[in-house]
Protein backbone atom coordinates (compact mmCIF):
# COMPACT_ATOMS: atom_id res chain seq x y z
CA MET A 1 148.63 156.25 165.78
CA THR A 2 145.73 154.20 167.11
CA PHE A 3 143.17 152.66 164.81
CA PRO A 4 139.54 152.03 165.76
CA ARG A 5 138.68 148.37 165.33
CA SER A 6 135.69 147.08 163.40
CA GLN A 7 134.07 146.32 166.76
CA SER A 8 134.36 149.98 167.81
CA PRO A 9 131.14 151.57 169.09
CA ASP A 10 132.12 154.92 167.54
CA GLY A 11 129.65 154.45 164.72
CA PRO A 12 127.79 151.90 162.60
CA LEU A 13 129.92 149.38 160.76
CA PRO A 14 130.14 149.77 156.99
CA THR A 15 127.95 147.53 154.87
CA ALA A 16 129.50 144.85 152.66
CA PRO A 17 129.33 147.08 149.54
CA GLU A 18 130.95 149.93 151.48
CA LEU A 19 133.73 147.62 152.63
CA SER A 20 134.26 146.48 149.05
CA ASN A 21 134.45 150.09 147.91
CA ARG A 22 137.01 150.87 150.61
CA ALA A 23 139.16 147.92 149.53
CA ARG A 24 138.79 148.89 145.87
CA ASP A 25 139.82 152.49 146.60
CA PHE A 26 142.86 151.22 148.47
CA ARG A 27 143.87 149.00 145.55
CA LEU A 28 143.45 151.87 143.09
CA ARG A 29 145.55 154.17 145.24
CA MET A 30 148.23 151.50 145.58
CA ALA A 31 148.25 151.07 141.80
CA VAL A 32 148.88 154.80 141.41
CA ILE A 33 151.64 154.69 144.03
CA ASP A 34 153.23 151.71 142.30
CA ARG A 35 153.13 153.41 138.90
CA GLU A 36 154.61 156.66 140.25
CA THR A 37 157.35 154.72 142.04
CA GLU A 38 158.29 152.76 138.92
CA THR A 39 158.49 156.02 136.98
CA ALA A 40 160.81 157.49 139.62
CA LEU A 41 162.94 154.33 139.74
CA ASP A 42 163.29 154.32 135.95
CA LEU A 43 165.09 157.66 136.27
CA THR A 44 167.66 156.04 138.57
CA ARG A 45 168.63 153.31 136.07
CA ASP A 46 170.82 153.24 133.01
CA ARG A 47 169.55 152.10 129.63
CA TYR A 48 170.21 148.46 130.54
CA GLY A 49 168.11 148.62 133.72
CA ARG A 50 170.98 148.82 136.21
CA THR A 51 170.53 151.17 139.18
CA VAL A 52 173.12 153.94 138.97
CA HIS A 53 171.62 156.43 141.46
CA ALA A 54 171.19 154.36 144.63
CA GLY A 55 170.31 157.33 146.84
CA ALA A 56 167.50 158.50 144.58
CA ALA A 57 166.18 154.93 144.34
CA ALA A 58 166.13 154.61 148.14
CA ALA A 59 164.29 157.93 148.42
CA ALA A 60 161.69 156.81 145.88
CA ARG A 61 161.03 153.62 147.83
CA ALA A 62 160.80 155.50 151.12
CA HIS A 63 158.23 157.85 149.59
CA ARG A 64 156.33 154.79 148.32
CA ASP A 65 156.29 153.18 151.76
CA THR A 66 154.94 156.31 153.45
CA ALA A 67 152.28 156.86 150.78
CA ALA A 68 151.14 153.23 151.14
CA VAL A 69 150.75 153.61 154.91
CA GLU A 70 148.67 156.74 154.37
CA ALA A 71 146.48 154.93 151.81
CA TYR A 72 145.84 152.05 154.22
CA THR A 73 145.07 154.47 157.04
CA THR A 74 142.60 156.36 154.88
CA HIS A 75 140.73 153.47 153.29
CA LEU A 76 141.11 150.30 155.35
CA ALA A 77 142.54 150.80 158.82
CA PRO A 78 139.32 151.22 160.83
CA HIS A 79 137.57 148.17 159.40
CA ALA A 80 140.21 145.91 157.84
CA GLU A 81 138.98 142.80 159.66
CA ALA A 82 135.31 143.19 158.66
CA PRO A 83 135.60 141.98 155.03
CA LEU A 84 137.72 139.06 156.25
CA ASP A 85 135.01 138.03 158.73
CA ALA A 86 132.34 138.26 156.02
CA ALA A 87 134.49 136.28 153.60
CA ARG A 88 135.01 133.52 156.17
CA LEU A 89 131.25 133.15 156.56
CA VAL A 90 130.95 132.63 152.81
CA LEU A 91 133.82 130.15 152.78
CA ASP A 92 132.01 128.07 155.37
CA GLU A 93 129.34 127.41 152.70
CA LEU A 94 131.72 126.66 149.82
CA PRO A 95 132.73 123.07 149.08
CA PRO A 96 136.47 123.73 148.60
CA ALA A 97 137.61 126.40 151.07
CA ARG A 98 140.85 127.00 149.17
CA HIS A 99 140.96 130.74 149.89
CA LEU A 100 141.16 130.26 153.66
CA ALA A 101 144.97 130.53 153.65
CA VAL A 102 144.74 133.85 151.79
CA LEU A 103 142.31 135.25 154.39
CA ASP A 104 144.57 134.02 157.21
CA GLY A 105 147.51 135.76 155.57
CA LEU A 106 145.59 139.02 155.17
CA ALA A 107 144.50 138.87 158.80
CA ALA A 108 148.11 138.36 159.93
CA SER A 109 149.24 141.30 157.78
CA ALA A 110 146.48 143.54 159.15
CA ALA A 111 147.47 142.62 162.71
CA GLU A 112 151.12 143.42 161.99
CA ILE A 113 150.19 146.77 160.42
CA HIS A 114 148.06 147.73 163.42
CA ARG A 115 150.67 146.52 165.92
CA THR A 116 153.40 148.60 164.29
CA LEU A 117 151.42 151.78 163.75
CA ASP A 118 149.95 151.68 167.24
CA ARG A 119 153.55 152.35 168.34
CA PRO A 120 154.62 154.99 165.83
CA ALA A 121 158.18 156.26 165.63
CA THR A 122 159.06 159.94 165.52
CA PRO A 123 157.68 161.45 162.30
CA GLY A 124 160.37 161.90 159.65
CA SER A 125 162.96 159.93 161.61
CA PRO A 126 165.03 157.02 160.28
CA ALA A 127 163.06 154.78 162.66
CA GLU A 128 159.80 155.77 160.99
CA ARG A 129 161.24 155.09 157.55
CA ALA A 130 162.36 151.67 158.79
CA GLN A 131 158.85 151.02 160.15
CA HIS A 132 157.22 151.95 156.86
CA ALA A 133 159.70 149.86 154.87
CA ALA A 134 158.95 146.84 157.07
CA LEU A 135 155.21 147.35 156.53
CA TRP A 136 155.43 147.55 152.73
CA PRO A 137 155.17 143.75 152.15
CA HIS A 138 152.02 143.63 154.32
CA LEU A 139 150.46 146.60 152.55
CA ALA A 140 151.36 145.05 149.19
CA ALA A 141 149.65 141.82 150.27
CA TRP A 142 146.44 143.74 150.90
CA ALA A 143 146.75 145.50 147.55
CA ASP A 144 147.33 142.17 145.81
CA HIS A 145 144.71 140.02 147.52
CA SER A 146 142.04 142.12 149.26
CA SER A 147 139.90 141.72 146.13
CA ILE A 148 139.48 138.05 147.10
CA ALA A 149 138.05 139.00 150.48
CA SER A 150 135.81 141.65 148.90
CA ASN A 151 134.57 139.23 146.27
CA LEU A 152 133.67 136.59 148.85
CA ALA A 153 132.12 139.15 151.21
CA ASP A 154 129.87 140.38 148.41
CA GLN A 155 128.51 136.84 148.07
CA ARG A 156 127.31 136.69 151.66
CA ASP A 157 123.67 136.81 150.59
CA GLY A 158 124.33 133.90 148.25
CA GLN A 159 123.48 134.19 144.57
CA HIS A 160 122.14 130.91 143.27
CA HIS A 161 120.60 129.73 140.05
CA LYS A 162 117.02 130.86 140.49
CA ALA A 163 115.44 129.41 137.36
CA PRO A 164 116.80 125.93 136.62
CA LEU A 165 115.52 124.22 133.49
CA THR A 166 113.51 121.03 133.64
CA ASP A 167 115.29 117.89 132.51
CA GLU A 168 113.46 117.99 129.16
CA GLU A 169 114.26 121.67 128.60
CA GLN A 170 117.88 121.18 129.55
CA LEU A 171 118.25 118.28 127.12
CA MET A 172 116.57 120.24 124.31
CA TRP A 173 118.68 123.37 124.79
CA THR A 174 121.87 121.36 125.18
CA GLU A 175 121.23 119.56 121.89
CA MET A 176 120.47 122.90 120.19
CA ALA A 177 123.71 124.39 121.52
CA GLN A 178 125.75 121.35 120.49
CA ALA A 179 124.33 121.55 116.97
CA ALA A 180 125.16 125.28 116.85
CA GLN A 181 128.69 124.53 118.05
CA GLN A 182 129.18 122.07 115.18
CA ARG A 183 127.98 124.73 112.73
CA GLY A 184 130.34 127.27 114.25
CA GLU A 185 127.43 129.34 115.54
CA LEU A 186 127.98 129.07 119.29
CA GLU A 187 130.01 132.16 120.21
CA LEU A 188 131.54 132.00 123.70
CA THR A 189 131.69 135.41 125.42
CA GLU A 190 132.53 135.03 129.13
CA SER A 191 133.58 132.36 131.61
CA TRP A 192 133.93 132.02 135.39
CA TYR A 193 133.92 129.42 138.16
CA ALA A 194 130.95 128.95 140.47
CA ALA A 195 131.21 128.09 144.17
CA ASP A 196 130.85 124.37 143.43
CA GLY A 197 134.03 124.42 141.35
CA GLN A 198 132.30 124.06 137.98
CA PRO A 199 133.04 126.48 135.13
CA ILE A 200 130.12 128.47 133.73
CA THR A 201 130.34 129.99 130.26
CA LEU A 202 128.04 132.49 128.57
CA ALA A 203 127.55 132.10 124.84
CA HIS A 204 125.46 133.45 121.98
CA LEU A 205 123.50 130.65 120.33
CA ILE A 206 122.81 131.75 116.75
CA GLN A 207 119.91 130.11 114.95
CA ASP A 208 117.99 131.37 111.91
CA ASP A 209 119.59 134.85 112.18
CA ASP A 210 118.46 135.06 115.81
CA SER A 211 120.77 135.10 118.84
CA THR A 212 119.99 133.82 122.33
CA VAL A 213 122.25 134.06 125.38
CA VAL A 214 122.76 130.63 126.94
CA ALA A 215 124.74 129.53 130.00
CA LEU A 216 126.81 126.37 129.84
CA ARG A 217 128.10 124.33 132.76
CA GLY A 218 131.33 122.43 132.15
CA ASP A 219 134.13 122.70 129.59
CA PRO A 220 132.55 123.63 126.23
CA ASP A 221 135.32 121.70 124.41
CA ALA A 222 134.90 118.51 126.43
CA PRO A 223 132.08 115.96 126.42
CA GLY A 224 129.37 116.34 129.05
CA TRP A 225 128.73 120.08 129.15
CA GLN A 226 125.12 121.18 129.53
CA VAL A 227 123.00 124.27 129.02
CA ILE A 228 121.66 125.44 132.39
CA GLY A 229 119.71 128.49 131.24
CA HIS A 230 118.77 130.80 128.37
CA TYR A 231 118.27 134.54 128.63
CA ALA A 232 117.37 137.59 126.58
CA HIS A 233 120.70 139.29 127.34
CA GLU A 234 123.81 139.09 129.52
CA TYR A 235 122.40 141.39 132.22
CA GLU A 236 119.47 139.05 132.83
CA ALA A 237 121.85 136.08 132.96
CA GLY A 238 124.07 137.81 135.49
CA LYS A 239 121.16 138.36 137.87
CA VAL A 240 120.22 134.69 138.19
CA LEU A 241 123.36 132.66 137.51
CA PRO A 242 125.72 131.61 140.34
CA ALA A 243 128.15 134.39 141.17
CA PRO A 244 131.81 133.89 140.28
CA VAL A 245 134.39 133.02 142.89
CA PRO A 246 137.81 134.71 142.58
CA PRO A 247 139.90 133.18 139.77
CA GLY A 248 143.24 131.57 140.51
CA VAL A 249 146.81 132.57 139.71
CA LEU A 250 149.56 130.85 137.75
CA ARG A 251 152.18 131.24 140.47
CA ALA A 252 151.11 131.73 144.07
CA ASP A 253 154.19 133.69 145.16
CA VAL A 254 153.99 136.44 142.54
CA SER A 255 153.11 140.00 143.60
CA ARG A 256 152.40 142.94 141.36
CA PHE A 257 153.65 145.27 144.08
CA ASN A 258 156.73 143.28 145.07
CA ARG A 259 158.32 142.54 141.74
CA PRO A 260 162.03 141.70 141.75
CA ALA A 261 164.42 144.29 140.39
CA PRO A 262 164.51 144.09 136.60
CA ALA A 263 167.44 142.22 135.15
CA PRO A 264 169.72 144.25 132.88
CA GLU A 265 168.88 143.61 129.25
CA VAL A 266 169.78 144.88 125.81
CA SER A 267 166.90 145.43 123.41
CA LEU A 268 166.73 143.81 119.99
CA LEU A 269 166.75 147.24 118.36
CA GLU A 270 169.97 148.10 120.15
CA LEU A 271 171.60 144.87 118.98
CA ILE A 272 170.55 145.63 115.41
CA ARG A 273 172.02 149.11 115.74
CA ASP A 274 175.29 147.63 117.03
CA ILE A 275 175.53 145.53 113.86
CA VAL A 276 174.66 148.46 111.58
CA GLU A 277 177.29 150.63 113.27
CA GLY A 278 179.87 147.84 113.47
CA GLN A 279 182.87 147.53 111.17
CA THR A 280 184.37 144.14 111.97
CA ALA A 281 182.99 140.61 111.91
CA GLY A 282 183.55 140.55 115.68
CA ASP A 283 181.16 143.49 116.14
CA ALA A 284 178.32 141.63 114.42
CA ALA A 285 179.17 138.37 116.20
CA GLU A 286 179.06 140.06 119.59
CA ALA A 287 175.59 141.47 118.87
CA LEU A 288 174.32 138.06 117.74
CA LEU A 289 175.71 136.41 120.85
CA GLY A 290 173.96 139.07 122.93
CA ALA A 291 170.64 137.91 121.47
CA VAL A 292 171.20 134.31 122.61
CA GLN A 293 172.96 134.99 125.90
CA ARG A 294 171.58 132.98 128.82
CA GLY A 295 171.40 133.60 132.55
CA ARG A 296 170.22 136.64 134.48
CA GLU A 297 171.11 139.00 131.63
CA ALA A 298 169.50 136.77 129.02
CA GLY A 299 169.15 138.00 125.45
CA PRO A 300 165.89 138.60 123.54
CA MET A 301 165.76 135.13 121.93
CA VAL A 302 166.16 133.42 125.30
CA ARG A 303 163.52 135.73 126.81
CA LEU A 304 161.19 134.76 123.98
CA GLN A 305 161.71 131.12 124.91
CA GLU A 306 160.80 131.96 128.50
CA LEU A 307 157.68 133.74 127.25
CA LEU A 308 156.57 130.68 125.28
CA GLU A 309 157.28 128.37 128.20
CA THR A 310 155.35 130.53 130.67
CA SER A 311 152.45 130.95 128.24
CA GLY A 312 152.34 127.18 127.82
CA GLN A 313 152.20 126.73 131.59
CA PHE A 314 149.33 129.21 131.74
CA ALA A 315 147.39 127.49 128.96
CA SER A 316 147.85 124.11 130.66
CA ALA A 317 146.76 125.54 134.03
CA LEU A 318 143.40 126.51 132.52
CA GLU A 319 142.58 122.77 132.77
CA THR A 320 140.48 122.83 129.61
CA VAL A 321 140.71 120.79 126.43
CA GLN A 322 141.58 123.83 124.36
CA GLY A 323 144.09 125.02 126.95
CA ARG A 324 145.94 121.70 126.84
CA GLN A 325 145.99 121.79 123.03
CA ILE A 326 147.41 125.31 122.97
CA ALA A 327 149.97 124.35 125.62
CA ALA A 328 151.17 121.54 123.36
CA ARG A 329 151.50 123.97 120.43
CA LEU A 330 153.48 126.44 122.54
CA SER A 331 155.73 123.64 123.77
CA ALA A 332 156.48 122.63 120.17
CA LEU A 333 157.22 126.25 119.27
CA GLY A 334 159.55 126.47 122.26
CA ARG A 335 161.52 123.45 121.04
CA GLN A 336 161.80 124.98 117.58
CA LEU A 337 163.02 128.25 119.06
CA GLU A 338 165.56 126.40 121.21
CA PHE A 339 166.93 124.76 118.04
CA LEU A 340 167.00 128.14 116.27
CA THR A 341 168.75 129.73 119.26
CA ARG A 342 171.52 127.12 119.12
CA GLU A 343 171.87 127.67 115.36
CA VAL A 344 172.19 131.43 115.87
CA GLU A 345 174.78 130.86 118.59
CA GLU A 346 176.86 128.63 116.32
CA ALA A 347 176.59 131.09 113.44
CA ALA A 348 177.66 133.93 115.74
CA GLU A 349 180.69 131.98 116.91
CA ASP A 350 181.65 131.22 113.30
CA LEU A 351 181.22 134.87 112.39
CA GLY A 352 183.37 135.90 115.36
CA ALA A 353 186.10 133.53 114.18
CA THR A 354 186.10 135.28 110.81
CA VAL A 355 189.06 137.66 110.76
CA ALA A 356 187.53 140.26 108.50
CA VAL A 357 186.44 143.86 108.29
CA LEU A 358 184.07 145.65 105.94
CA PRO A 359 185.86 146.75 102.72
CA PRO A 360 186.79 150.43 102.54
CA HIS A 361 184.73 151.07 99.41
CA ARG A 362 181.67 150.94 101.70
CA THR A 363 182.10 154.58 102.67
CA PRO A 364 179.54 156.50 104.73
CA VAL A 365 177.16 159.01 103.13
CA LEU A 366 177.76 162.52 104.37
CA ARG A 367 174.24 163.76 105.08
CA ALA A 368 175.17 167.20 106.41
CA ARG A 369 176.71 169.25 103.57
CA PRO A 370 178.64 172.51 104.13
CA ARG A 371 176.55 175.65 103.66
CA PRO A 372 177.93 178.93 102.27
CA ALA A 373 178.59 181.70 104.76
CA VAL A 374 176.05 184.53 105.04
CA ASP A 375 176.48 187.40 102.51
CA THR A 376 179.04 185.55 100.48
CA THR A 377 178.91 184.49 96.89
CA PRO A 378 179.82 180.91 96.13
CA PRO A 379 183.07 180.78 94.12
CA ARG A 380 182.58 180.24 90.43
CA ALA A 381 184.12 177.24 88.85
CA SER A 382 187.49 177.99 87.27
CA THR A 383 187.53 178.04 83.49
CA THR A 384 191.31 177.85 83.24
CA ALA A 385 192.30 174.94 81.06
CA ARG A 386 194.69 172.41 82.40
CA HIS A 387 197.81 171.63 80.38
CA ARG A 388 199.61 168.41 80.51
């Protein structure tokens, strides 16, 4: 399979919007492939998430790999380098060229995809399946990160603030917005980062039952932010304000399309059911210990701690005043949950050491009662008196 390069004279090169649409269509198709694959893999696992049908799982992944190659061939192969070239031109004009490594990685992946598929193996052969499996990480990289290249390529014409306020107007509007913020009448609606690294936030400034859209530069919860424009509505603001650059990520090595295999886990509802159906103190203790188990097969309480910790990291990474405050709150909640987890663990161990069973007077309720046979008359109660 030979791919025409973006320099090919076979036809005019796509425009930047067309390239963005191609990349978007590829990402959408990859999302569908990913969802279908996860559905198929779920059928190969037991209720705890362990793979029990290895052959079916391998077949599902092989189908995924082939479908991803077809999606790349359809949407991106002829012109994969073009959005990268356009994005590099934009990066040359940005103060911090922090996305350059991402573009280099995408270019390397595109080259590897082309190099492999220019020497295709026999269709349907094990060699072809091995080729497609080796290409999956590169295709996943494009599905994960091609939006960055598209976003930067779309900014090639450069969208800048076309109607800056005078110093006097900026001071007046900033003071009005600060007063509205103190009254609780500055409603933040949207935020992004401009090419110069400064955050821009849209807000509704409410005054005398009237609302005006204003744009703020800087952290609205920190001293020094300013109003840089006022508009009749968000659409007007979007036409003249600096365009957003792609937002960052919490962890650079995370991929939506290359997630690790899920760790086996027992749900909280299942643990509750184990206690309800249990008969000995050990049954209940084992379920409690399952909730606080640590390690790869961590229990729900430990997973909740991980959720709080990760959420705190995210809030702190926002690098805003409010984000840092929320991160501190989540950290405090995590410490409380850690204390509670230890208390539950100790209580479970004490319960397990209790040599006891539920008393026999706690008998089950028989919900299904016998029904009389068809065409039979229920026996009448005997009226014969008993004699002692």
